[in-house]
């Protein structure tokens, strides 16, 4: 709401200040998880931001979902089991993608772009078989 109000106020003083952005995402799908594997399970997804005019500065934050930003959790469908995972900004899985709180980072840009989200499920979790999921909110501020 604040962004819309600010944009409306700016447009009153400067018609060139009006901007709009569209966001599309491709979800991260981890596939099968092997409880006996000593290796982490990884996958990628993507977020595409297209702003008019191109060159509009923006930031992309990913909210916590279930768990915390530092330790996100997927839940077993119809059950209480949880599977630890996280989303990272880099392919080395060192910077957690969050909302800028704690040690999490947001991604900033000024050109229309598609950015990769790197997902990792922690190895060695003894969880029952089933379908696990989490829903995260992507927040683009411009």
N, C-alpha and C. Protein backbone atom coordinates (compact mmCIF):
# COMPACT_ATOMS: atom_id res chain seq x y z
N UNK A 1 0.81 -1.19 0.00
CA UNK A 1 0.00 0.00 0.00
C UNK A 1 0.86 1.25 0.00
N UNK A 2 1.92 1.29 0.79
CA UNK A 2 2.76 2.48 0.86
C UNK A 2 3.40 2.77 -0.49
N UNK A 3 3.80 1.73 -1.20
CA UNK A 3 4.42 1.92 -2.51
C UNK A 3 3.43 2.58 -3.46
N UNK A 4 2.19 2.14 -3.48
CA UNK A 4 1.18 2.72 -4.35
C UNK A 4 0.92 4.17 -3.99
N UNK A 5 0.88 4.49 -2.71
CA UNK A 5 0.63 5.86 -2.27
C UNK A 5 1.81 6.75 -2.66
N UNK A 6 3.03 6.27 -2.44
CA UNK A 6 4.21 7.05 -2.82
C UNK A 6 4.24 7.26 -4.32
N UNK A 7 3.98 6.23 -5.10
CA UNK A 7 3.97 6.36 -6.55
C UNK A 7 2.93 7.36 -7.00
N UNK A 8 1.76 7.36 -6.37
CA UNK A 8 0.70 8.30 -6.73
C UNK A 8 1.13 9.74 -6.42
N UNK A 9 1.78 9.93 -5.28
CA UNK A 9 2.25 11.26 -4.93
C UNK A 9 3.34 11.73 -5.88
N UNK A 10 4.26 10.86 -6.24
CA UNK A 10 5.32 11.22 -7.16
C UNK A 10 4.78 11.52 -8.54
N UNK A 11 3.76 10.80 -8.96
CA UNK A 11 3.21 11.03 -10.29
C UNK A 11 2.54 12.40 -10.38
N UNK A 12 2.07 12.92 -9.29
CA UNK A 12 1.46 14.25 -9.28
C UNK A 12 2.51 15.31 -9.61
N UNK A 13 3.74 15.08 -9.11
CA UNK A 13 4.80 16.06 -9.32
C UNK A 13 5.65 15.77 -10.55
N UNK A 14 5.75 14.48 -10.94
CA UNK A 14 6.61 14.12 -12.05
C UNK A 14 6.04 12.90 -12.77
N UNK A 15 5.42 13.09 -13.94
CA UNK A 15 4.83 11.96 -14.66
C UNK A 15 5.83 10.88 -15.01
N UNK A 16 7.11 11.21 -15.13
CA UNK A 16 8.12 10.22 -15.49
C UNK A 16 8.45 9.29 -14.32
N UNK A 17 7.98 9.61 -13.12
CA UNK A 17 8.33 8.82 -11.94
C UNK A 17 7.45 7.59 -11.77
N UNK A 18 6.41 7.41 -12.58
CA UNK A 18 5.53 6.26 -12.45
C UNK A 18 6.25 5.01 -12.94
N UNK A 19 6.22 3.97 -12.14
CA UNK A 19 6.85 2.70 -12.51
C UNK A 19 5.93 1.56 -12.12
N UNK A 20 6.06 0.46 -12.83
CA UNK A 20 5.35 -0.75 -12.44
C UNK A 20 6.26 -1.94 -12.73
N UNK A 21 6.11 -2.98 -11.94
CA UNK A 21 6.94 -4.17 -12.09
C UNK A 21 6.06 -5.41 -12.08
N UNK A 22 6.39 -6.37 -12.91
CA UNK A 22 5.75 -7.69 -12.92
C UNK A 22 6.76 -8.70 -12.41
N UNK A 23 6.26 -9.67 -11.66
CA UNK A 23 7.13 -10.70 -11.09
C UNK A 23 6.57 -12.07 -11.44
N UNK A 24 7.43 -12.95 -11.93
CA UNK A 24 7.08 -14.34 -12.20
C UNK A 24 8.12 -15.23 -11.55
N UNK A 25 7.68 -16.39 -11.09
CA UNK A 25 8.64 -17.29 -10.46
C UNK A 25 8.44 -18.72 -10.94
N UNK A 26 9.54 -19.45 -10.95
CA UNK A 26 9.53 -20.89 -11.20
C UNK A 26 9.95 -21.53 -9.88
N UNK A 27 9.08 -22.34 -9.28
CA UNK A 27 9.37 -22.87 -7.94
C UNK A 27 10.54 -23.85 -7.92
N UNK A 28 11.12 -23.97 -6.75
CA UNK A 28 12.18 -24.95 -6.53
C UNK A 28 11.49 -26.28 -6.23
N UNK A 29 11.86 -27.32 -6.97
CA UNK A 29 11.32 -28.66 -6.74
C UNK A 29 12.50 -29.58 -6.49
N UNK A 30 12.59 -30.13 -5.29
CA UNK A 30 13.74 -30.94 -4.90
C UNK A 30 13.67 -32.38 -5.40
N UNK A 31 12.51 -32.87 -5.72
CA UNK A 31 12.41 -34.26 -6.13
C UNK A 31 12.52 -35.18 -4.92
N UNK A 32 13.08 -36.36 -5.13
CA UNK A 32 13.19 -37.36 -4.05
C UNK A 32 14.31 -37.01 -3.09
N UNK A 33 14.07 -37.28 -1.82
CA UNK A 33 15.06 -37.08 -0.76
C UNK A 33 15.42 -38.44 -0.20
N UNK A 34 16.72 -38.76 -0.16
CA UNK A 34 17.20 -40.04 0.35
C UNK A 34 17.71 -39.85 1.77
N UNK A 35 16.99 -40.41 2.75
CA UNK A 35 17.38 -40.25 4.16
C UNK A 35 18.72 -40.92 4.48
N UNK A 36 19.16 -41.83 3.62
CA UNK A 36 20.42 -42.54 3.86
C UNK A 36 21.61 -41.88 3.19
N UNK A 37 21.38 -40.87 2.36
CA UNK A 37 22.46 -40.20 1.65
C UNK A 37 23.16 -39.19 2.56
N UNK A 38 24.49 -39.15 2.45
CA UNK A 38 25.27 -38.18 3.21
C UNK A 38 25.41 -36.86 2.45
N UNK A 39 24.84 -36.79 1.25
CA UNK A 39 24.93 -35.58 0.43
C UNK A 39 23.66 -34.74 0.56
N UNK A 40 23.85 -33.43 0.48
CA UNK A 40 22.70 -32.54 0.48
C UNK A 40 21.94 -32.71 -0.83
N UNK A 41 20.67 -32.35 -0.82
CA UNK A 41 19.85 -32.36 -2.02
C UNK A 41 19.69 -30.92 -2.47
N UNK A 42 20.01 -30.64 -3.74
CA UNK A 42 19.93 -29.26 -4.23
C UNK A 42 19.01 -29.17 -5.45
N UNK A 43 18.53 -27.97 -5.68
CA UNK A 43 17.73 -27.68 -6.86
C UNK A 43 17.70 -26.16 -7.04
N UNK A 44 17.20 -25.72 -8.16
CA UNK A 44 17.10 -24.28 -8.40
C UNK A 44 15.70 -23.90 -8.87
N UNK A 45 15.40 -22.65 -8.68
CA UNK A 45 14.20 -22.03 -9.21
C UNK A 45 14.61 -20.67 -9.72
N UNK A 46 13.66 -19.86 -10.14
CA UNK A 46 14.03 -18.53 -10.62
C UNK A 46 12.92 -17.52 -10.36
N UNK A 47 13.34 -16.27 -10.32
CA UNK A 47 12.42 -15.14 -10.16
C UNK A 47 12.75 -14.14 -11.27
N UNK A 48 11.74 -13.78 -12.04
CA UNK A 48 11.92 -12.80 -13.11
C UNK A 48 11.21 -11.51 -12.73
N UNK A 49 11.94 -10.40 -12.81
CA UNK A 49 11.39 -9.08 -12.53
C UNK A 49 11.47 -8.25 -13.81
N UNK A 50 10.34 -7.74 -14.24
CA UNK A 50 10.26 -6.88 -15.43
C UNK A 50 9.59 -5.58 -15.03
N UNK A 51 10.34 -4.49 -15.07
CA UNK A 51 9.81 -3.19 -14.67
C UNK A 51 9.69 -2.27 -15.87
N UNK A 52 8.71 -1.39 -15.80
CA UNK A 52 8.54 -0.34 -16.79
C UNK A 52 8.58 0.97 -16.04
N UNK A 53 9.51 1.87 -16.33
CA UNK A 53 10.54 1.71 -17.34
C UNK A 53 11.66 0.81 -16.85
N UNK A 54 12.33 0.14 -17.81
CA UNK A 54 13.52 -0.65 -17.48
C UNK A 54 14.53 0.32 -16.85
N UNK A 55 15.21 -0.11 -15.82
CA UNK A 55 16.11 0.78 -15.09
C UNK A 55 15.53 1.19 -13.74
N UNK A 56 14.28 0.77 -13.47
CA UNK A 56 13.67 1.06 -12.17
C UNK A 56 14.37 0.23 -11.11
N UNK A 57 14.94 0.86 -10.07
CA UNK A 57 15.60 0.09 -9.02
C UNK A 57 14.59 -0.73 -8.21
N UNK A 58 14.98 -1.94 -7.82
CA UNK A 58 14.10 -2.81 -7.04
C UNK A 58 14.94 -3.71 -6.13
N UNK A 59 14.28 -4.26 -5.12
CA UNK A 59 14.88 -5.29 -4.27
C UNK A 59 13.92 -6.47 -4.22
N UNK A 60 14.49 -7.67 -4.12
CA UNK A 60 13.69 -8.89 -4.01
C UNK A 60 14.00 -9.54 -2.66
N UNK A 61 12.96 -9.68 -1.86
CA UNK A 61 13.08 -10.36 -0.56
C UNK A 61 12.24 -11.63 -0.61
N UNK A 62 12.66 -12.64 0.13
CA UNK A 62 11.87 -13.86 0.28
C UNK A 62 11.55 -14.02 1.75
N UNK A 63 10.27 -14.09 2.08
CA UNK A 63 9.83 -14.21 3.46
C UNK A 63 10.17 -15.59 4.02
N UNK A 64 9.90 -15.80 5.28
CA UNK A 64 10.39 -17.00 5.97
C UNK A 64 9.62 -18.27 5.68
N UNK A 65 8.34 -18.22 5.40
CA UNK A 65 7.56 -19.45 5.26
C UNK A 65 7.42 -20.13 6.61
N UNK A 66 7.44 -21.47 6.61
CA UNK A 66 7.38 -22.22 7.86
C UNK A 66 8.79 -22.27 8.43
N UNK A 67 8.94 -22.13 9.71
CA UNK A 67 10.27 -22.08 10.32
C UNK A 67 10.73 -20.63 10.40
N UNK A 68 12.04 -20.44 10.26
CA UNK A 68 12.62 -19.10 10.29
C UNK A 68 13.40 -18.89 8.99
N UNK A 69 13.83 -17.66 8.75
CA UNK A 69 14.66 -17.45 7.57
C UNK A 69 15.97 -18.21 7.72
N UNK A 70 16.53 -18.25 8.91
CA UNK A 70 17.79 -18.96 9.13
C UNK A 70 17.64 -20.47 8.96
N UNK A 71 16.45 -21.02 9.24
CA UNK A 71 16.20 -22.45 9.10
C UNK A 71 14.77 -22.69 8.65
N UNK A 72 14.59 -22.66 7.34
CA UNK A 72 13.26 -22.92 6.79
C UNK A 72 12.95 -24.41 6.92
N UNK A 73 11.64 -24.72 6.92
CA UNK A 73 11.21 -26.11 7.08
C UNK A 73 10.06 -26.40 6.12
N UNK A 74 10.12 -27.56 5.50
CA UNK A 74 8.98 -28.07 4.75
C UNK A 74 8.22 -28.99 5.68
N UNK A 75 6.91 -29.03 5.52
CA UNK A 75 6.08 -29.90 6.35
C UNK A 75 5.54 -31.06 5.52
N UNK A 76 5.43 -32.19 6.16
CA UNK A 76 4.84 -33.37 5.56
C UNK A 76 3.35 -33.14 5.36
N UNK A 77 2.87 -33.39 4.16
CA UNK A 77 1.46 -33.23 3.86
C UNK A 77 0.63 -34.16 4.75
N UNK A 78 -0.26 -33.58 5.53
CA UNK A 78 -1.12 -34.36 6.42
C UNK A 78 -0.42 -34.91 7.65
N UNK A 79 0.80 -34.46 7.93
CA UNK A 79 1.54 -34.98 9.08
C UNK A 79 2.23 -33.87 9.84
N UNK A 80 3.06 -34.27 10.80
CA UNK A 80 3.76 -33.29 11.62
C UNK A 80 5.27 -33.27 11.36
N UNK A 81 5.77 -34.19 10.54
CA UNK A 81 7.20 -34.25 10.26
C UNK A 81 7.64 -32.99 9.50
N UNK A 82 8.91 -32.62 9.71
CA UNK A 82 9.48 -31.43 9.07
C UNK A 82 10.82 -31.79 8.43
N UNK A 83 11.11 -31.13 7.31
CA UNK A 83 12.35 -31.34 6.58
C UNK A 83 13.05 -29.99 6.45
N UNK A 84 14.26 -29.87 7.01
CA UNK A 84 15.00 -28.61 7.00
C UNK A 84 15.58 -28.33 5.61
N UNK A 85 15.49 -27.06 5.20
CA UNK A 85 16.05 -26.63 3.92
C UNK A 85 16.29 -25.14 3.98
N UNK A 86 16.90 -24.59 2.94
CA UNK A 86 16.98 -23.14 2.82
C UNK A 86 17.17 -22.73 1.38
N UNK A 87 17.02 -21.42 1.14
CA UNK A 87 17.14 -20.81 -0.18
C UNK A 87 18.32 -19.84 -0.11
N UNK A 88 19.17 -19.87 -1.13
CA UNK A 88 20.38 -19.06 -1.15
C UNK A 88 20.44 -18.18 -2.40
N UNK A 89 21.19 -17.09 -2.31
CA UNK A 89 21.36 -16.17 -3.43
C UNK A 89 22.49 -16.59 -4.36
N UNK A 90 23.29 -17.57 -3.94
CA UNK A 90 24.50 -17.90 -4.70
C UNK A 90 24.65 -19.41 -4.85
N UNK A 91 25.36 -19.83 -5.90
CA UNK A 91 25.52 -21.27 -6.16
C UNK A 91 26.46 -21.98 -5.18
N UNK A 92 27.12 -21.23 -4.31
CA UNK A 92 27.97 -21.85 -3.28
C UNK A 92 27.20 -22.06 -1.98
N UNK A 93 25.93 -21.68 -1.96
CA UNK A 93 25.03 -21.90 -0.81
C UNK A 93 25.58 -21.29 0.47
N UNK A 94 26.06 -20.04 0.37
CA UNK A 94 26.62 -19.39 1.55
C UNK A 94 25.78 -18.22 2.05
N UNK A 95 25.00 -17.57 1.16
CA UNK A 95 24.21 -16.40 1.57
C UNK A 95 22.73 -16.74 1.50
N UNK A 96 22.09 -16.78 2.67
CA UNK A 96 20.67 -17.10 2.74
C UNK A 96 19.87 -15.94 2.17
N UNK A 97 18.92 -16.27 1.29
CA UNK A 97 18.05 -15.26 0.69
C UNK A 97 16.87 -15.06 1.61
N UNK A 98 16.76 -13.85 2.15
CA UNK A 98 15.68 -13.54 3.08
C UNK A 98 15.18 -12.14 2.89
N UNK A 99 14.96 -11.46 4.02
CA UNK A 99 14.41 -10.11 3.98
C UNK A 99 15.39 -9.06 4.49
N UNK A 100 16.66 -9.44 4.61
CA UNK A 100 17.68 -8.51 5.07
C UNK A 100 17.89 -8.51 6.57
N UNK A 101 17.08 -9.29 7.32
CA UNK A 101 17.27 -9.37 8.76
C UNK A 101 18.31 -10.43 9.07
N UNK A 102 18.97 -10.27 10.22
CA UNK A 102 20.00 -11.23 10.62
C UNK A 102 21.10 -11.26 9.56
N UNK A 103 21.48 -12.46 9.16
CA UNK A 103 22.52 -12.60 8.14
C UNK A 103 21.94 -12.83 6.75
N UNK A 104 20.63 -12.71 6.61
CA UNK A 104 20.02 -12.94 5.30
C UNK A 104 20.22 -11.73 4.39
N UNK A 105 20.16 -11.98 3.09
CA UNK A 105 20.36 -10.92 2.10
C UNK A 105 19.16 -10.82 1.19
N UNK A 106 19.00 -9.65 0.59
CA UNK A 106 18.04 -9.44 -0.48
C UNK A 106 18.85 -9.23 -1.76
N UNK A 107 18.19 -9.37 -2.88
CA UNK A 107 18.85 -9.10 -4.16
C UNK A 107 18.32 -7.77 -4.68
N UNK A 108 19.23 -6.93 -5.15
CA UNK A 108 18.86 -5.64 -5.72
C UNK A 108 19.18 -5.63 -7.20
N UNK A 109 18.41 -4.86 -7.96
CA UNK A 109 18.67 -4.72 -9.38
C UNK A 109 18.10 -3.43 -9.91
N UNK A 110 18.47 -3.13 -11.14
CA UNK A 110 17.94 -1.95 -11.82
C UNK A 110 17.55 -2.27 -13.26
N UNK A 111 17.82 -3.47 -13.70
CA UNK A 111 17.44 -3.84 -15.06
C UNK A 111 16.54 -5.06 -14.99
N UNK A 112 15.69 -5.22 -15.98
CA UNK A 112 14.83 -6.40 -16.03
C UNK A 112 15.72 -7.62 -16.06
N UNK A 113 15.44 -8.59 -15.20
CA UNK A 113 16.34 -9.74 -15.08
C UNK A 113 15.62 -10.96 -14.53
N UNK A 114 16.24 -12.10 -14.77
CA UNK A 114 15.84 -13.35 -14.14
C UNK A 114 16.98 -13.76 -13.22
N UNK A 115 16.68 -13.97 -11.95
CA UNK A 115 17.69 -14.38 -10.98
C UNK A 115 17.39 -15.80 -10.51
N UNK A 116 18.44 -16.51 -10.20
CA UNK A 116 18.32 -17.90 -9.77
C UNK A 116 18.23 -17.99 -8.25
N UNK A 117 17.33 -18.82 -7.76
CA UNK A 117 17.22 -19.14 -6.34
C UNK A 117 17.79 -20.54 -6.17
N UNK A 118 18.76 -20.69 -5.28
CA UNK A 118 19.45 -21.96 -5.06
C UNK A 118 18.92 -22.60 -3.78
N UNK A 119 18.30 -23.77 -3.90
CA UNK A 119 17.72 -24.45 -2.75
C UNK A 119 18.56 -25.63 -2.32
N UNK A 120 18.60 -25.87 -1.02
CA UNK A 120 19.38 -26.98 -0.47
C UNK A 120 18.63 -27.60 0.71
N UNK A 121 18.47 -28.93 0.67
CA UNK A 121 17.90 -29.68 1.77
C UNK A 121 19.07 -30.33 2.53
N UNK A 122 19.08 -30.14 3.83
CA UNK A 122 20.14 -30.68 4.68
C UNK A 122 20.17 -32.20 4.62
N UNK A 123 21.36 -32.78 4.54
CA UNK A 123 21.52 -34.24 4.52
C UNK A 123 21.32 -34.83 5.91
N UNK A 124 21.03 -36.13 5.95
CA UNK A 124 20.99 -36.88 7.20
C UNK A 124 19.76 -36.67 8.06
N UNK A 125 18.67 -36.23 7.49
CA UNK A 125 17.44 -36.04 8.26
C UNK A 125 16.60 -37.32 8.20
N UNK A 126 16.27 -37.84 9.36
CA UNK A 126 15.48 -39.07 9.43
C UNK A 126 14.00 -38.69 9.47
N UNK A 127 13.39 -38.66 8.30
CA UNK A 127 11.99 -38.25 8.17
C UNK A 127 11.19 -39.34 7.48
N UNK A 128 9.89 -39.42 7.76
CA UNK A 128 9.06 -40.42 7.09
C UNK A 128 8.84 -40.06 5.62
N UNK A 129 8.57 -41.08 4.82
CA UNK A 129 8.28 -40.87 3.40
C UNK A 129 7.00 -40.07 3.26
N UNK A 130 6.93 -39.30 2.18
CA UNK A 130 5.74 -38.51 1.89
C UNK A 130 6.07 -37.27 1.12
N UNK A 131 5.09 -36.44 0.93
CA UNK A 131 5.24 -35.20 0.18
C UNK A 131 5.42 -34.03 1.15
N UNK A 132 6.53 -33.32 1.02
CA UNK A 132 6.85 -32.18 1.88
C UNK A 132 6.77 -30.89 1.06
N UNK A 133 6.30 -29.82 1.68
CA UNK A 133 6.23 -28.55 0.97
C UNK A 133 6.26 -27.37 1.94
N UNK A 134 6.54 -26.23 1.38
CA UNK A 134 6.50 -24.96 2.10
C UNK A 134 6.09 -23.90 1.08
N UNK A 135 5.46 -22.84 1.53
CA UNK A 135 5.08 -21.74 0.65
C UNK A 135 5.77 -20.49 1.13
N UNK A 136 6.50 -19.84 0.22
CA UNK A 136 7.23 -18.62 0.55
C UNK A 136 6.64 -17.45 -0.24
N UNK A 137 6.64 -16.29 0.37
CA UNK A 137 6.18 -15.07 -0.29
C UNK A 137 7.38 -14.31 -0.81
N UNK A 138 7.32 -13.92 -2.08
CA UNK A 138 8.36 -13.09 -2.69
C UNK A 138 7.87 -11.65 -2.64
N UNK A 139 8.69 -10.77 -2.10
CA UNK A 139 8.30 -9.36 -2.00
C UNK A 139 9.27 -8.52 -2.83
N UNK A 140 8.74 -7.86 -3.87
CA UNK A 140 9.55 -6.98 -4.70
C UNK A 140 9.16 -5.55 -4.38
N UNK A 141 10.15 -4.78 -3.94
CA UNK A 141 9.93 -3.37 -3.62
C UNK A 141 10.62 -2.51 -4.67
N UNK A 142 9.92 -1.51 -5.16
CA UNK A 142 10.50 -0.62 -6.18
C UNK A 142 10.03 0.80 -5.96
